[in-house]
Amino acid sequence: MQCHLPNGKGTKGIFPPLDGADWLTEKREESIHAVKFGQSGEIVVNGITYNNVMPPMGLSDREVADVMNYIMNSWSNTQDKMVSIEEVKAITN
């Protein structure tokens, strides 16, 4: 919530939005990987380039799935296929 903000809008050019983020849906595996292992380096979300670090949060596979399902069904986001624990387990560093 500190980085992406309670409304999921993020901070333009610094922390990408989660609300309405094309990266969540178009790069599903990368999104899961980011929550599971952290993220560093350049990514493009909704046409805007971000180059920052998201440290790993030390979550279990179940918690990663829960976080992904929460953000992918919050604000203006909706998804048809829920993230499963098995899907998270398949993502390796």
N, C-alpha and C. Protein backbone atom coordinates (compact mmCIF):
# COMPACT_ATOMS: atom_id res chain seq x y z
N MET A 1 0.81 -1.20 0.00
CA MET A 1 0.00 0.00 0.00
C MET A 1 0.86 1.26 0.00
N GLN A 2 2.05 1.19 0.57
CA GLN A 2 2.90 2.36 0.60
C GLN A 2 3.34 2.77 -0.81
N CYS A 3 3.65 1.81 -1.64
CA CYS A 3 4.17 2.10 -2.97
C CYS A 3 3.06 2.26 -4.01
N HIS A 4 2.15 1.32 -4.04
CA HIS A 4 1.10 1.33 -5.06
C HIS A 4 -0.13 2.10 -4.60
N LEU A 5 -0.13 2.50 -3.34
CA LEU A 5 -1.18 3.32 -2.72
C LEU A 5 -2.47 2.52 -2.49
N PRO A 6 -3.25 2.92 -1.51
CA PRO A 6 -4.50 2.19 -1.20
C PRO A 6 -5.48 2.13 -2.37
N ASN A 7 -5.41 3.11 -3.27
CA ASN A 7 -6.31 3.12 -4.42
C ASN A 7 -5.75 2.36 -5.61
N GLY A 8 -4.52 1.80 -5.47
CA GLY A 8 -3.91 1.02 -6.53
C GLY A 8 -3.39 1.84 -7.70
N LYS A 9 -3.38 3.16 -7.57
CA LYS A 9 -2.98 4.03 -8.68
C LYS A 9 -1.47 4.19 -8.81
N GLY A 10 -0.69 3.84 -7.77
CA GLY A 10 0.76 3.99 -7.82
C GLY A 10 1.17 5.45 -7.91
N THR A 11 2.44 5.67 -8.26
CA THR A 11 2.98 7.02 -8.44
C THR A 11 3.64 7.05 -9.80
N LYS A 12 3.06 7.82 -10.71
CA LYS A 12 3.49 7.84 -12.11
C LYS A 12 5.00 8.00 -12.23
N GLY A 13 5.62 7.08 -12.98
CA GLY A 13 7.05 7.12 -13.22
C GLY A 13 7.90 6.54 -12.10
N ILE A 14 7.30 6.27 -10.95
CA ILE A 14 8.06 5.74 -9.81
C ILE A 14 7.56 4.34 -9.44
N PHE A 15 6.30 4.24 -9.05
CA PHE A 15 5.69 2.96 -8.69
C PHE A 15 4.49 2.74 -9.60
N PRO A 16 4.47 1.65 -10.35
CA PRO A 16 3.39 1.45 -11.32
C PRO A 16 2.04 1.22 -10.65
N PRO A 17 0.99 1.53 -11.39
CA PRO A 17 -0.34 1.26 -10.85
C PRO A 17 -0.63 -0.24 -10.85
N LEU A 18 -1.50 -0.64 -9.95
CA LEU A 18 -2.07 -1.98 -9.97
C LEU A 18 -3.47 -1.92 -10.57
N ASP A 19 -4.17 -0.82 -10.30
CA ASP A 19 -5.51 -0.61 -10.83
C ASP A 19 -5.44 -0.41 -12.34
N GLY A 20 -6.07 -1.30 -13.07
CA GLY A 20 -6.11 -1.18 -14.52
C GLY A 20 -4.78 -1.44 -15.21
N ALA A 21 -3.87 -2.13 -14.55
CA ALA A 21 -2.53 -2.36 -15.10
C ALA A 21 -2.54 -3.46 -16.15
N ASP A 22 -2.16 -3.11 -17.37
CA ASP A 22 -2.07 -4.11 -18.43
C ASP A 22 -1.00 -5.15 -18.13
N TRP A 23 -0.01 -4.79 -17.36
CA TRP A 23 1.08 -5.71 -17.02
C TRP A 23 0.57 -6.91 -16.24
N LEU A 24 -0.43 -6.70 -15.39
CA LEU A 24 -0.99 -7.81 -14.60
C LEU A 24 -1.64 -8.86 -15.48
N THR A 25 -2.32 -8.43 -16.51
CA THR A 25 -3.05 -9.38 -17.35
C THR A 25 -2.23 -9.88 -18.52
N GLU A 26 -1.41 -9.01 -19.10
CA GLU A 26 -0.61 -9.40 -20.27
C GLU A 26 0.67 -10.13 -19.88
N LYS A 27 1.11 -9.97 -18.66
CA LYS A 27 2.34 -10.61 -18.18
C LYS A 27 2.05 -11.30 -16.85
N ARG A 28 1.12 -12.21 -16.91
CA ARG A 28 0.65 -12.89 -15.70
C ARG A 28 1.78 -13.60 -14.96
N GLU A 29 2.60 -14.39 -15.67
CA GLU A 29 3.70 -15.10 -15.00
C GLU A 29 4.70 -14.13 -14.39
N GLU A 30 5.03 -13.07 -15.12
CA GLU A 30 5.96 -12.06 -14.60
C GLU A 30 5.39 -11.36 -13.37
N SER A 31 4.07 -11.15 -13.37
CA SER A 31 3.41 -10.52 -12.22
C SER A 31 3.50 -11.41 -11.00
N ILE A 32 3.24 -12.71 -11.19
CA ILE A 32 3.34 -13.65 -10.08
C ILE A 32 4.79 -13.70 -9.59
N HIS A 33 5.73 -13.75 -10.52
CA HIS A 33 7.15 -13.78 -10.17
C HIS A 33 7.52 -12.55 -9.34
N ALA A 34 7.02 -11.38 -9.71
CA ALA A 34 7.33 -10.15 -8.99
C ALA A 34 6.83 -10.20 -7.55
N VAL A 35 5.64 -10.73 -7.35
CA VAL A 35 5.11 -10.83 -5.98
C VAL A 35 5.87 -11.89 -5.20
N LYS A 36 6.23 -12.98 -5.85
CA LYS A 36 6.90 -14.09 -5.18
C LYS A 36 8.36 -13.80 -4.86
N PHE A 37 9.08 -13.18 -5.81
CA PHE A 37 10.53 -13.01 -5.67
C PHE A 37 11.00 -11.55 -5.67
N GLY A 38 10.08 -10.61 -5.86
CA GLY A 38 10.48 -9.22 -5.99
C GLY A 38 10.69 -8.87 -7.46
N GLN A 39 10.94 -7.60 -7.71
CA GLN A 39 11.08 -7.13 -9.09
C GLN A 39 12.13 -6.03 -9.13
N SER A 40 13.02 -6.09 -10.10
CA SER A 40 13.93 -4.99 -10.33
C SER A 40 14.15 -4.86 -11.82
N GLY A 41 14.47 -3.69 -12.24
CA GLY A 41 14.68 -3.44 -13.66
C GLY A 41 13.47 -2.80 -14.30
N GLU A 42 13.63 -2.55 -15.56
CA GLU A 42 12.64 -1.79 -16.32
C GLU A 42 11.44 -2.64 -16.71
N ILE A 43 10.25 -2.09 -16.48
CA ILE A 43 9.01 -2.67 -16.97
C ILE A 43 8.17 -1.54 -17.54
N VAL A 44 7.25 -1.88 -18.42
CA VAL A 44 6.34 -0.89 -19.01
C VAL A 44 4.93 -1.27 -18.61
N VAL A 45 4.26 -0.35 -17.94
CA VAL A 45 2.88 -0.57 -17.50
C VAL A 45 2.02 0.55 -18.08
N ASN A 46 1.02 0.15 -18.83
CA ASN A 46 0.10 1.11 -19.46
C ASN A 46 0.86 2.17 -20.26
N GLY A 47 1.94 1.73 -20.93
CA GLY A 47 2.70 2.63 -21.80
C GLY A 47 3.71 3.50 -21.09
N ILE A 48 3.85 3.38 -19.78
CA ILE A 48 4.80 4.19 -19.01
C ILE A 48 5.90 3.28 -18.49
N THR A 49 7.15 3.71 -18.64
CA THR A 49 8.29 2.92 -18.20
C THR A 49 8.58 3.18 -16.73
N TYR A 50 8.79 2.09 -15.99
CA TYR A 50 9.15 2.14 -14.57
C TYR A 50 10.45 1.38 -14.41
N ASN A 51 11.34 1.90 -13.59
CA ASN A 51 12.61 1.23 -13.33
C ASN A 51 12.94 1.42 -11.86
N ASN A 52 12.41 0.54 -11.04
CA ASN A 52 12.56 0.65 -9.60
C ASN A 52 12.74 -0.75 -9.04
N VAL A 53 12.80 -0.86 -7.74
CA VAL A 53 12.98 -2.16 -7.09
C VAL A 53 11.79 -2.43 -6.17
N MET A 54 11.23 -3.63 -6.29
CA MET A 54 10.24 -4.12 -5.34
C MET A 54 10.89 -5.30 -4.64
N PRO A 55 11.20 -5.17 -3.37
CA PRO A 55 11.88 -6.28 -2.68
C PRO A 55 10.94 -7.47 -2.50
N PRO A 56 11.51 -8.67 -2.39
CA PRO A 56 10.67 -9.83 -2.11
C PRO A 56 10.01 -9.69 -0.74
N MET A 57 8.79 -10.16 -0.64
CA MET A 57 8.03 -9.99 0.59
C MET A 57 8.06 -11.21 1.49
N GLY A 58 8.67 -12.30 1.03
CA GLY A 58 8.78 -13.50 1.85
C GLY A 58 7.45 -14.20 2.08
N LEU A 59 6.58 -14.18 1.07
CA LEU A 59 5.26 -14.78 1.20
C LEU A 59 5.29 -16.26 0.80
N SER A 60 4.41 -17.04 1.40
CA SER A 60 4.23 -18.43 0.98
C SER A 60 3.52 -18.45 -0.37
N ASP A 61 3.54 -19.60 -1.03
CA ASP A 61 2.85 -19.72 -2.32
C ASP A 61 1.36 -19.40 -2.18
N ARG A 62 0.75 -19.83 -1.10
CA ARG A 62 -0.67 -19.52 -0.85
C ARG A 62 -0.87 -18.01 -0.71
N GLU A 63 0.01 -17.36 0.03
CA GLU A 63 -0.11 -15.91 0.22
C GLU A 63 0.10 -15.16 -1.09
N VAL A 64 1.04 -15.63 -1.92
CA VAL A 64 1.25 -15.01 -3.23
C VAL A 64 -0.02 -15.13 -4.07
N ALA A 65 -0.62 -16.31 -4.09
CA ALA A 65 -1.87 -16.51 -4.83
C ALA A 65 -2.96 -15.59 -4.29
N ASP A 66 -3.06 -15.48 -2.97
CA ASP A 66 -4.06 -14.60 -2.37
C ASP A 66 -3.84 -13.15 -2.75
N VAL A 67 -2.59 -12.69 -2.71
CA VAL A 67 -2.27 -11.30 -3.08
C VAL A 67 -2.62 -11.07 -4.54
N MET A 68 -2.21 -11.99 -5.40
CA MET A 68 -2.51 -11.84 -6.83
C MET A 68 -4.01 -11.79 -7.09
N ASN A 69 -4.75 -12.68 -6.45
CA ASN A 69 -6.20 -12.70 -6.65
C ASN A 69 -6.86 -11.44 -6.09
N TYR A 70 -6.31 -10.92 -5.00
CA TYR A 70 -6.85 -9.67 -4.45
C TYR A 70 -6.63 -8.52 -5.42
N ILE A 71 -5.38 -8.32 -5.86
CA ILE A 71 -5.12 -7.16 -6.71
C ILE A 71 -5.76 -7.30 -8.08
N MET A 72 -5.91 -8.54 -8.56
CA MET A 72 -6.50 -8.74 -9.88
C MET A 72 -8.03 -8.72 -9.85
N ASN A 73 -8.60 -8.49 -8.66
CA ASN A 73 -10.05 -8.36 -8.52
C ASN A 73 -10.43 -7.15 -7.68
N SER A 74 -9.52 -6.19 -7.58
CA SER A 74 -9.77 -4.96 -6.82
C SER A 74 -9.79 -3.77 -7.75
N TRP A 75 -10.33 -2.69 -7.24
CA TRP A 75 -10.43 -1.44 -7.99
C TRP A 75 -11.19 -1.70 -9.29
N SER A 76 -10.62 -1.41 -10.44
CA SER A 76 -11.33 -1.67 -11.71
C SER A 76 -10.92 -3.01 -12.31
N ASN A 77 -10.09 -3.78 -11.62
CA ASN A 77 -9.59 -5.04 -12.16
C ASN A 77 -10.60 -6.17 -11.97
N THR A 78 -10.69 -7.01 -12.99
CA THR A 78 -11.45 -8.25 -12.90
C THR A 78 -10.68 -9.32 -13.67
N GLN A 79 -10.79 -10.54 -13.22
CA GLN A 79 -10.15 -11.65 -13.93
C GLN A 79 -11.10 -12.83 -13.98
N ASP A 80 -10.97 -13.62 -15.02
CA ASP A 80 -11.79 -14.81 -15.16
C ASP A 80 -11.14 -16.02 -14.50
N LYS A 81 -9.82 -16.10 -14.57
CA LYS A 81 -9.09 -17.25 -14.05
C LYS A 81 -8.32 -16.85 -12.80
N MET A 82 -8.68 -17.44 -11.68
CA MET A 82 -7.99 -17.15 -10.42
C MET A 82 -6.59 -17.77 -10.45
N VAL A 83 -5.66 -17.14 -9.72
CA VAL A 83 -4.31 -17.67 -9.59
C VAL A 83 -4.34 -18.78 -8.54
N SER A 84 -3.84 -19.94 -8.92
CA SER A 84 -3.85 -21.08 -8.01
C SER A 84 -2.49 -21.23 -7.32
N ILE A 85 -2.49 -21.96 -6.23
CA ILE A 85 -1.23 -22.25 -5.53
C ILE A 85 -0.30 -23.03 -6.46
N GLU A 86 -0.83 -23.94 -7.24
CA GLU A 86 -0.03 -24.73 -8.17
C GLU A 86 0.63 -23.83 -9.21
N GLU A 87 -0.10 -22.83 -9.69
CA GLU A 87 0.46 -21.89 -10.66
C GLU A 87 1.62 -21.10 -10.04
N VAL A 88 1.45 -20.70 -8.79
CA VAL A 88 2.52 -19.97 -8.08
C VAL A 88 3.72 -20.89 -7.87
N LYS A 89 3.50 -22.12 -7.46
CA LYS A 89 4.59 -23.08 -7.23
C LYS A 89 5.41 -23.30 -8.49
N ALA A 90 4.77 -23.23 -9.65
CA ALA A 90 5.45 -23.46 -10.92
C ALA A 90 6.39 -22.32 -11.31
N ILE A 91 6.23 -21.17 -10.69
CA ILE A 91 7.09 -20.01 -10.99
C ILE A 91 8.36 -20.14 -10.16
N THR A 92 9.50 -20.24 -10.84
CA THR A 92 10.78 -20.37 -10.14
C THR A 92 11.64 -19.15 -10.42
N ASN A 93 12.60 -18.96 -9.56
CA ASN A 93 13.48 -17.78 -9.67
C ASN A 93 14.49 -17.96 -10.74
